[in-house]
C-alpha cells in the first residue's frame, strides 16, 4: 500500500532532477513506485511527458534523454504500451553521454557501448545494463530457487 502523498511519476522525477534533487535519489523514488507501490498504476506513472526547462542545461538534456529511454525500456520489459512522448527528438542527445564511474577510461566506454540497452544507445546515453536491476524480482527468484532446493530429493548416501 502506498502511504505517501505524491506518486513519483517519471515527469515529476525529471522535474525533481531539474530542481536539484540528486538524479539517482529521484530515480530511486520512481523505481520504488514502479516496482512496488504502484505496480497496478504503471501506465499513469509514465503517461505525462517531461517538461524541459525553458533553457535546459546540458545536464538537464542528459537526464531528459535518460528518463525517456528508461520509460521506453521499462515499457518493453513489462509489456506496457509506450507513450508517444518518449520518441520526441528533444530526448536524444547530439553527442554521446557516458554515465558511469570510470567513464573517462576507454575500456569502460567500450563496455558501456556493448552493454547499454538499445533505447538508451539510440539516444546517445551509455550507462550499461544494470540501472534497473529490480530487487523485488531478484528476491522472488531467490525465494523460488531456495524453495526448489529445499524440496529437491537429496543425492547424498
N, C-alpha and C. Protein backbone atom coordinates (compact mmCIF):
# COMPACT_ATOMS: atom_id res chain seq x y z
N UNK A 1 0.84 -1.19 0.00
CA UNK A 1 0.00 0.00 0.00
C UNK A 1 0.88 1.24 0.00
N UNK A 2 0.49 2.20 -0.79
CA UNK A 2 1.21 3.46 -0.91
C UNK A 2 0.78 4.39 0.22
N UNK A 3 1.71 4.77 1.08
CA UNK A 3 1.35 5.60 2.22
C UNK A 3 1.87 7.03 2.10
N UNK A 4 2.43 7.40 0.96
CA UNK A 4 2.90 8.76 0.79
C UNK A 4 1.91 9.54 -0.05
N UNK A 5 2.02 10.86 -0.02
CA UNK A 5 1.04 11.73 -0.66
C UNK A 5 1.15 11.81 -2.17
N UNK A 6 2.35 11.81 -2.71
CA UNK A 6 2.56 12.03 -4.13
C UNK A 6 3.22 10.82 -4.77
N UNK A 7 2.62 10.37 -5.87
CA UNK A 7 3.28 9.32 -6.63
C UNK A 7 4.44 9.94 -7.41
N UNK A 8 5.53 9.23 -7.45
CA UNK A 8 6.71 9.71 -8.16
C UNK A 8 6.63 9.25 -9.61
N UNK A 9 5.90 10.03 -10.42
CA UNK A 9 5.82 9.73 -11.84
C UNK A 9 7.15 10.07 -12.49
N UNK A 10 7.36 9.64 -13.72
CA UNK A 10 8.60 9.99 -14.40
C UNK A 10 8.66 11.49 -14.65
N UNK A 11 7.53 12.12 -14.97
CA UNK A 11 7.52 13.57 -15.19
C UNK A 11 7.94 14.31 -13.92
N UNK A 12 7.42 13.89 -12.76
CA UNK A 12 7.81 14.53 -11.50
C UNK A 12 9.24 14.19 -11.12
N UNK A 13 9.68 12.99 -11.48
CA UNK A 13 11.07 12.60 -11.23
C UNK A 13 12.02 13.52 -11.98
N UNK A 14 11.73 13.74 -13.27
CA UNK A 14 12.57 14.62 -14.06
C UNK A 14 12.53 16.06 -13.52
N UNK A 15 11.36 16.51 -13.13
CA UNK A 15 11.22 17.85 -12.55
C UNK A 15 12.08 17.97 -11.29
N UNK A 16 12.07 16.95 -10.45
CA UNK A 16 12.88 16.97 -9.22
C UNK A 16 14.37 17.05 -9.57
N UNK A 17 14.80 16.30 -10.58
CA UNK A 17 16.21 16.36 -11.01
C UNK A 17 16.55 17.78 -11.45
N UNK A 18 15.70 18.39 -12.24
CA UNK A 18 15.95 19.76 -12.72
C UNK A 18 15.96 20.78 -11.58
N UNK A 19 15.28 20.46 -10.50
CA UNK A 19 15.24 21.36 -9.35
C UNK A 19 16.34 21.08 -8.34
N UNK A 20 17.27 20.19 -8.70
CA UNK A 20 18.43 19.97 -7.85
C UNK A 20 18.47 18.67 -7.07
N UNK A 21 17.42 17.88 -7.15
CA UNK A 21 17.45 16.57 -6.48
C UNK A 21 18.53 15.72 -7.14
N UNK A 22 19.27 14.97 -6.35
CA UNK A 22 20.27 14.06 -6.92
C UNK A 22 19.55 13.07 -7.83
N UNK A 23 20.02 12.92 -9.08
CA UNK A 23 19.29 12.09 -10.05
C UNK A 23 18.96 10.68 -9.56
N UNK A 24 19.92 10.01 -8.92
CA UNK A 24 19.63 8.64 -8.53
C UNK A 24 18.72 8.55 -7.31
N UNK A 25 18.59 9.62 -6.54
CA UNK A 25 17.59 9.65 -5.47
C UNK A 25 16.20 9.78 -6.10
N UNK A 26 16.07 10.73 -7.02
CA UNK A 26 14.78 10.92 -7.69
C UNK A 26 14.38 9.67 -8.47
N UNK A 27 15.32 9.09 -9.21
CA UNK A 27 15.02 7.87 -9.96
C UNK A 27 14.73 6.69 -9.04
N UNK A 28 15.38 6.65 -7.90
CA UNK A 28 15.10 5.60 -6.92
C UNK A 28 13.66 5.70 -6.40
N UNK A 29 13.19 6.92 -6.19
CA UNK A 29 11.81 7.11 -5.76
C UNK A 29 10.84 6.61 -6.84
N UNK A 30 11.16 6.92 -8.10
CA UNK A 30 10.34 6.43 -9.20
C UNK A 30 10.36 4.90 -9.24
N UNK A 31 11.53 4.32 -9.08
CA UNK A 31 11.66 2.86 -9.14
C UNK A 31 10.86 2.19 -8.02
N UNK A 32 10.83 2.80 -6.84
CA UNK A 32 10.00 2.24 -5.76
C UNK A 32 8.54 2.21 -6.17
N UNK A 33 8.08 3.27 -6.84
CA UNK A 33 6.69 3.30 -7.33
C UNK A 33 6.49 2.18 -8.36
N UNK A 34 7.38 2.15 -9.35
CA UNK A 34 7.24 1.21 -10.47
C UNK A 34 7.27 -0.25 -10.02
N UNK A 35 8.21 -0.57 -9.14
CA UNK A 35 8.43 -1.96 -8.76
C UNK A 35 7.63 -2.41 -7.54
N UNK A 36 7.04 -1.47 -6.78
CA UNK A 36 6.37 -1.90 -5.55
C UNK A 36 5.06 -1.14 -5.31
N UNK A 37 5.13 0.16 -5.02
CA UNK A 37 3.97 0.89 -4.52
C UNK A 37 2.85 1.05 -5.55
N UNK A 38 3.18 1.18 -6.83
CA UNK A 38 2.15 1.50 -7.83
C UNK A 38 2.20 0.54 -9.02
N UNK A 39 2.47 -0.71 -8.77
CA UNK A 39 2.56 -1.71 -9.85
C UNK A 39 1.29 -1.69 -10.69
N UNK A 40 0.16 -1.51 -10.06
CA UNK A 40 -1.12 -1.50 -10.76
C UNK A 40 -1.40 -0.18 -11.47
N UNK A 41 -0.54 0.81 -11.31
CA UNK A 41 -0.73 2.13 -11.92
C UNK A 41 0.48 2.54 -12.77
N UNK A 42 1.17 1.56 -13.31
CA UNK A 42 2.38 1.85 -14.09
C UNK A 42 2.09 2.77 -15.28
N UNK A 43 0.98 2.57 -15.95
CA UNK A 43 0.66 3.42 -17.11
C UNK A 43 0.57 4.88 -16.68
N UNK A 44 -0.02 5.15 -15.54
CA UNK A 44 -0.13 6.53 -15.04
C UNK A 44 1.23 7.10 -14.66
N UNK A 45 2.15 6.26 -14.21
CA UNK A 45 3.48 6.73 -13.80
C UNK A 45 4.28 7.28 -14.98
N UNK A 46 3.95 6.87 -16.17
CA UNK A 46 4.73 7.26 -17.35
C UNK A 46 3.93 8.07 -18.37
N UNK A 47 2.67 8.33 -18.09
CA UNK A 47 1.77 8.96 -19.08
C UNK A 47 2.17 10.39 -19.44
N UNK A 48 2.56 11.17 -18.45
CA UNK A 48 2.82 12.59 -18.70
C UNK A 48 4.22 12.81 -19.28
N UNK A 49 4.32 13.65 -20.32
CA UNK A 49 5.64 13.94 -20.88
C UNK A 49 6.48 14.77 -19.93
N UNK A 50 7.78 14.70 -20.14
CA UNK A 50 8.70 15.53 -19.37
C UNK A 50 8.54 16.98 -19.81
N UNK A 51 8.73 17.89 -18.88
CA UNK A 51 8.71 19.30 -19.21
C UNK A 51 10.13 19.82 -19.11
N UNK A 52 10.71 20.11 -20.27
CA UNK A 52 12.08 20.64 -20.29
C UNK A 52 12.09 22.07 -19.78
N UNK A 53 13.14 22.46 -19.07
CA UNK A 53 13.27 23.86 -18.67
C UNK A 53 13.33 24.75 -19.92
N UNK A 54 12.99 26.03 -19.75
CA UNK A 54 13.00 26.96 -20.89
C UNK A 54 14.36 26.98 -21.59
N UNK A 55 15.42 27.04 -20.81
CA UNK A 55 16.78 26.99 -21.35
C UNK A 55 17.50 25.84 -20.63
N UNK A 56 17.30 24.61 -21.12
CA UNK A 56 17.87 23.46 -20.40
C UNK A 56 19.39 23.42 -20.45
N UNK A 57 19.98 23.09 -19.33
CA UNK A 57 21.44 22.87 -19.27
C UNK A 57 21.74 21.55 -19.96
N UNK A 58 23.00 21.29 -20.23
CA UNK A 58 23.39 20.01 -20.82
C UNK A 58 23.04 18.87 -19.87
N UNK A 59 23.15 19.12 -18.57
CA UNK A 59 22.78 18.11 -17.57
C UNK A 59 21.29 17.80 -17.65
N UNK A 60 20.47 18.83 -17.80
CA UNK A 60 19.01 18.62 -17.92
C UNK A 60 18.69 17.83 -19.18
N UNK A 61 19.41 18.10 -20.26
CA UNK A 61 19.19 17.35 -21.50
C UNK A 61 19.63 15.89 -21.35
N UNK A 62 20.75 15.68 -20.67
CA UNK A 62 21.21 14.30 -20.41
C UNK A 62 20.13 13.51 -19.69
N UNK A 63 19.61 14.09 -18.60
CA UNK A 63 18.65 13.35 -17.79
C UNK A 63 17.30 13.22 -18.48
N UNK A 64 16.94 14.16 -19.35
CA UNK A 64 15.70 14.01 -20.13
C UNK A 64 15.82 12.81 -21.05
N UNK A 65 16.97 12.69 -21.73
CA UNK A 65 17.19 11.54 -22.61
C UNK A 65 17.19 10.25 -21.80
N UNK A 66 17.83 10.26 -20.64
CA UNK A 66 17.86 9.07 -19.79
C UNK A 66 16.44 8.69 -19.35
N UNK A 67 15.65 9.65 -18.92
CA UNK A 67 14.29 9.36 -18.45
C UNK A 67 13.42 8.81 -19.58
N UNK A 68 13.51 9.41 -20.78
CA UNK A 68 12.73 8.91 -21.91
C UNK A 68 13.15 7.48 -22.27
N UNK A 69 14.44 7.23 -22.31
CA UNK A 69 14.93 5.89 -22.60
C UNK A 69 14.47 4.90 -21.53
N UNK A 70 14.48 5.35 -20.29
CA UNK A 70 14.03 4.49 -19.18
C UNK A 70 12.59 4.06 -19.37
N UNK A 71 11.74 5.02 -19.72
CA UNK A 71 10.33 4.69 -19.93
C UNK A 71 10.18 3.70 -21.07
N UNK A 72 10.88 3.94 -22.18
CA UNK A 72 10.79 3.01 -23.31
C UNK A 72 11.27 1.62 -22.91
N UNK A 73 12.38 1.54 -22.20
CA UNK A 73 12.94 0.25 -21.78
C UNK A 73 12.00 -0.47 -20.82
N UNK A 74 11.47 0.25 -19.84
CA UNK A 74 10.56 -0.36 -18.86
C UNK A 74 9.28 -0.85 -19.53
N UNK A 75 8.77 -0.07 -20.48
CA UNK A 75 7.55 -0.49 -21.18
C UNK A 75 7.78 -1.79 -21.94
N UNK A 76 8.91 -1.88 -22.62
CA UNK A 76 9.22 -3.12 -23.36
C UNK A 76 9.40 -4.29 -22.39
N UNK A 77 10.09 -4.06 -21.31
CA UNK A 77 10.39 -5.12 -20.34
C UNK A 77 9.14 -5.65 -19.65
N UNK A 78 8.18 -4.75 -19.39
CA UNK A 78 6.98 -5.13 -18.65
C UNK A 78 5.72 -5.14 -19.51
N UNK A 79 5.91 -5.17 -20.84
CA UNK A 79 4.82 -5.32 -21.80
C UNK A 79 3.71 -4.29 -21.58
N UNK A 80 4.12 -3.03 -21.55
CA UNK A 80 3.19 -1.91 -21.39
C UNK A 80 3.31 -1.04 -22.62
N UNK A 81 2.21 -0.54 -23.11
CA UNK A 81 2.22 0.34 -24.27
C UNK A 81 3.03 1.60 -23.94
N UNK A 82 3.97 1.91 -24.80
CA UNK A 82 4.87 3.04 -24.55
C UNK A 82 4.20 4.35 -24.98
N UNK A 83 4.24 5.37 -24.14
CA UNK A 83 3.63 6.65 -24.53
C UNK A 83 4.43 7.31 -25.66
N UNK A 84 3.73 7.99 -26.54
CA UNK A 84 4.34 8.60 -27.73
C UNK A 84 5.38 9.66 -27.37
N UNK A 85 5.24 10.32 -26.24
CA UNK A 85 6.13 11.43 -25.90
C UNK A 85 7.60 11.00 -25.84
N UNK A 86 7.88 9.73 -25.54
CA UNK A 86 9.27 9.30 -25.38
C UNK A 86 10.06 9.37 -26.68
N UNK A 87 9.37 9.42 -27.82
CA UNK A 87 10.05 9.40 -29.11
C UNK A 87 10.36 10.81 -29.64
N UNK A 88 10.04 11.84 -28.88
CA UNK A 88 10.31 13.21 -29.32
C UNK A 88 11.82 13.42 -29.44
N UNK A 89 12.22 14.12 -30.47
CA UNK A 89 13.65 14.33 -30.74
C UNK A 89 14.37 15.09 -29.63
N UNK A 90 13.64 15.81 -28.81
CA UNK A 90 14.26 16.55 -27.69
C UNK A 90 14.91 15.59 -26.69
N UNK A 91 14.52 14.33 -26.73
CA UNK A 91 15.04 13.34 -25.78
C UNK A 91 16.17 12.50 -26.36
N UNK A 92 16.83 13.04 -27.39
CA UNK A 92 18.02 12.39 -27.97
C UNK A 92 19.17 13.38 -27.91
N UNK A 93 20.33 12.89 -27.57
CA UNK A 93 21.50 13.74 -27.42
C UNK A 93 22.31 13.79 -28.70
N UNK A 94 22.85 14.96 -29.04
CA UNK A 94 23.68 15.06 -30.25
C UNK A 94 25.06 14.41 -30.06
N UNK A 95 25.53 14.35 -28.83
CA UNK A 95 26.84 13.77 -28.52
C UNK A 95 26.67 12.65 -27.49
N UNK A 96 27.49 11.63 -27.54
CA UNK A 96 27.40 10.55 -26.56
C UNK A 96 27.62 11.05 -25.12
N UNK A 97 26.84 10.49 -24.21
CA UNK A 97 26.98 10.78 -22.78
C UNK A 97 27.23 9.44 -22.09
N UNK A 98 28.34 9.35 -21.40
CA UNK A 98 28.70 8.14 -20.67
C UNK A 98 28.51 8.40 -19.18
N UNK A 99 27.52 7.72 -18.59
CA UNK A 99 27.21 7.92 -17.18
C UNK A 99 27.57 6.65 -16.41
N UNK A 100 28.79 6.65 -15.91
CA UNK A 100 29.27 5.50 -15.14
C UNK A 100 30.59 5.88 -14.48
N UNK A 101 30.87 5.35 -13.30
CA UNK A 101 32.19 5.57 -12.72
C UNK A 101 33.27 5.05 -13.68
N UNK A 102 34.30 5.81 -13.84
CA UNK A 102 35.40 5.40 -14.71
C UNK A 102 35.14 5.62 -16.18
N UNK A 103 34.08 6.34 -16.53
CA UNK A 103 33.72 6.51 -17.94
C UNK A 103 34.75 7.30 -18.74
N UNK A 104 35.72 7.89 -18.06
CA UNK A 104 36.79 8.59 -18.77
C UNK A 104 37.79 7.60 -19.38
N UNK A 105 37.72 6.32 -18.97
CA UNK A 105 38.63 5.29 -19.47
C UNK A 105 38.03 4.64 -20.72
N UNK A 106 38.88 4.42 -21.71
CA UNK A 106 38.44 3.84 -22.98
C UNK A 106 37.78 2.48 -22.78
N UNK A 107 38.36 1.61 -21.96
CA UNK A 107 37.80 0.27 -21.79
C UNK A 107 36.43 0.31 -21.11
N UNK A 108 36.21 1.28 -20.23
CA UNK A 108 34.89 1.43 -19.60
C UNK A 108 33.88 1.89 -20.64
N UNK A 109 34.27 2.86 -21.46
CA UNK A 109 33.36 3.34 -22.52
C UNK A 109 33.02 2.21 -23.50
N UNK A 110 33.99 1.40 -23.85
CA UNK A 110 33.73 0.29 -24.76
C UNK A 110 32.74 -0.70 -24.14
N UNK A 111 32.92 -0.99 -22.86
CA UNK A 111 31.99 -1.90 -22.17
C UNK A 111 30.59 -1.29 -22.13
N UNK A 112 30.49 0.00 -21.84
CA UNK A 112 29.18 0.66 -21.80
C UNK A 112 28.50 0.61 -23.16
N UNK A 113 29.27 0.85 -24.22
CA UNK A 113 28.70 0.80 -25.58
C UNK A 113 28.15 -0.60 -25.87
N UNK A 114 28.86 -1.62 -25.46
CA UNK A 114 28.43 -3.01 -25.69
C UNK A 114 27.22 -3.40 -24.85
N UNK A 115 27.14 -2.92 -23.62
CA UNK A 115 26.13 -3.39 -22.68
C UNK A 115 24.88 -2.52 -22.59
N UNK A 116 24.92 -1.31 -23.07
CA UNK A 116 23.79 -0.40 -22.92
C UNK A 116 22.61 -0.86 -23.79
N UNK A 117 21.41 -0.96 -23.21
CA UNK A 117 20.23 -1.34 -23.99
C UNK A 117 19.93 -0.33 -25.10
N UNK A 118 19.33 -0.81 -26.15
CA UNK A 118 19.07 -0.04 -27.36
C UNK A 118 18.32 1.27 -27.13
N UNK A 119 17.26 1.33 -26.30
CA UNK A 119 16.57 2.62 -26.13
C UNK A 119 17.49 3.73 -25.59
N UNK A 120 18.50 3.36 -24.83
CA UNK A 120 19.46 4.33 -24.31
C UNK A 120 20.49 4.68 -25.38
N UNK A 121 21.06 3.65 -26.01
CA UNK A 121 22.10 3.87 -27.02
C UNK A 121 21.56 4.70 -28.18
N UNK A 122 20.33 4.45 -28.59
CA UNK A 122 19.72 5.21 -29.69
C UNK A 122 19.65 6.71 -29.36
N UNK A 123 19.59 7.02 -28.08
CA UNK A 123 19.54 8.42 -27.64
C UNK A 123 20.93 8.96 -27.26
N UNK A 124 21.96 8.16 -27.50
CA UNK A 124 23.34 8.55 -27.19
C UNK A 124 23.63 8.58 -25.69
N UNK A 125 22.90 7.78 -24.93
CA UNK A 125 23.10 7.64 -23.49
C UNK A 125 23.72 6.27 -23.25
N UNK A 126 24.93 6.24 -22.71
CA UNK A 126 25.63 4.99 -22.47
C UNK A 126 25.83 4.81 -20.97
N UNK A 127 25.10 3.84 -20.42
CA UNK A 127 25.05 3.68 -18.97
C UNK A 127 25.16 2.22 -18.54
N UNK A 128 25.35 1.31 -19.46
CA UNK A 128 25.38 -0.09 -19.11
C UNK A 128 23.99 -0.69 -19.00
N UNK A 129 23.89 -1.85 -18.39
CA UNK A 129 22.60 -2.55 -18.35
C UNK A 129 22.12 -2.89 -16.94
N UNK A 130 22.66 -2.24 -15.93
CA UNK A 130 22.28 -2.58 -14.56
C UNK A 130 21.47 -1.49 -13.86
N UNK A 131 21.09 -0.44 -14.55
CA UNK A 131 20.44 0.68 -13.88
C UNK A 131 19.05 0.37 -13.35
N UNK A 132 18.40 -0.66 -13.87
CA UNK A 132 17.09 -1.01 -13.36
C UNK A 132 17.05 -2.44 -12.83
N UNK A 133 18.12 -2.84 -12.18
CA UNK A 133 18.11 -4.14 -11.51
C UNK A 133 17.00 -4.09 -10.46
N UNK A 134 16.07 -4.99 -10.54
CA UNK A 134 14.88 -4.97 -9.70
C UNK A 134 15.05 -5.88 -8.49
N UNK A 135 15.18 -5.28 -7.34
CA UNK A 135 15.39 -6.07 -6.12
C UNK A 135 14.18 -6.95 -5.81
N UNK A 136 13.00 -6.54 -6.26
CA UNK A 136 11.80 -7.34 -5.99
C UNK A 136 11.81 -8.61 -6.84
N UNK A 137 12.18 -8.48 -8.13
CA UNK A 137 12.30 -9.67 -8.98
C UNK A 137 13.40 -10.58 -8.46
N UNK A 138 14.53 -10.00 -8.05
CA UNK A 138 15.64 -10.79 -7.52
C UNK A 138 15.20 -11.57 -6.28
N UNK A 139 14.49 -10.91 -5.37
CA UNK A 139 14.04 -11.57 -4.15
C UNK A 139 13.09 -12.73 -4.48
N UNK A 140 12.20 -12.52 -5.44
CA UNK A 140 11.26 -13.57 -5.82
C UNK A 140 12.01 -14.75 -6.47
N UNK A 141 12.96 -14.45 -7.36
CA UNK A 141 13.75 -15.51 -7.99
C UNK A 141 14.56 -16.28 -6.95
N UNK A 142 15.14 -15.57 -5.98
CA UNK A 142 15.91 -16.20 -4.92
C UNK A 142 15.01 -17.13 -4.10
N UNK A 143 13.83 -16.65 -3.75
CA UNK A 143 12.90 -17.46 -2.96
C UNK A 143 12.48 -18.71 -3.72
N UNK A 144 12.20 -18.57 -5.02
CA UNK A 144 11.83 -19.73 -5.83
C UNK A 144 12.97 -20.73 -5.88
N UNK A 145 14.19 -20.25 -6.05
CA UNK A 145 15.37 -21.12 -6.09
C UNK A 145 15.55 -21.82 -4.74
N UNK A 146 15.44 -21.08 -3.65
CA UNK A 146 15.61 -21.67 -2.32
C UNK A 146 14.54 -22.72 -2.05
N UNK A 147 13.31 -22.45 -2.47
CA UNK A 147 12.22 -23.41 -2.28
C UNK A 147 12.48 -24.68 -3.09
N UNK A 148 12.92 -24.50 -4.33
CA UNK A 148 13.22 -25.65 -5.18
C UNK A 148 14.34 -26.49 -4.58
N UNK A 149 15.35 -25.83 -4.05
CA UNK A 149 16.48 -26.56 -3.46
C UNK A 149 16.07 -27.31 -2.20
N UNK A 150 15.17 -26.71 -1.42
CA UNK A 150 14.77 -27.37 -0.15
C UNK A 150 13.83 -28.53 -0.38
N UNK A 151 13.16 -28.55 -1.53
CA UNK A 151 12.23 -29.66 -1.81
C UNK A 151 12.84 -30.69 -2.77
N UNK A 152 14.04 -30.44 -3.26
CA UNK A 152 14.69 -31.39 -4.16
C UNK A 152 15.13 -32.62 -3.38
N UNK A 153 15.01 -33.80 -3.99
CA UNK A 153 15.47 -35.01 -3.29
C UNK A 153 16.98 -34.98 -3.05
N UNK A 154 17.37 -35.47 -1.93
CA UNK A 154 18.80 -35.50 -1.57
C UNK A 154 19.53 -36.54 -2.40
N UNK A 155 20.74 -36.20 -2.83
CA UNK A 155 21.54 -37.14 -3.62
C UNK A 155 22.66 -37.75 -2.78
N UNK A 156 22.73 -37.43 -1.50
CA UNK A 156 23.78 -37.99 -0.65
C UNK A 156 23.38 -39.36 -0.15
N UNK A 157 24.33 -40.22 0.15
CA UNK A 157 24.05 -41.59 0.61
C UNK A 157 24.30 -41.71 2.09
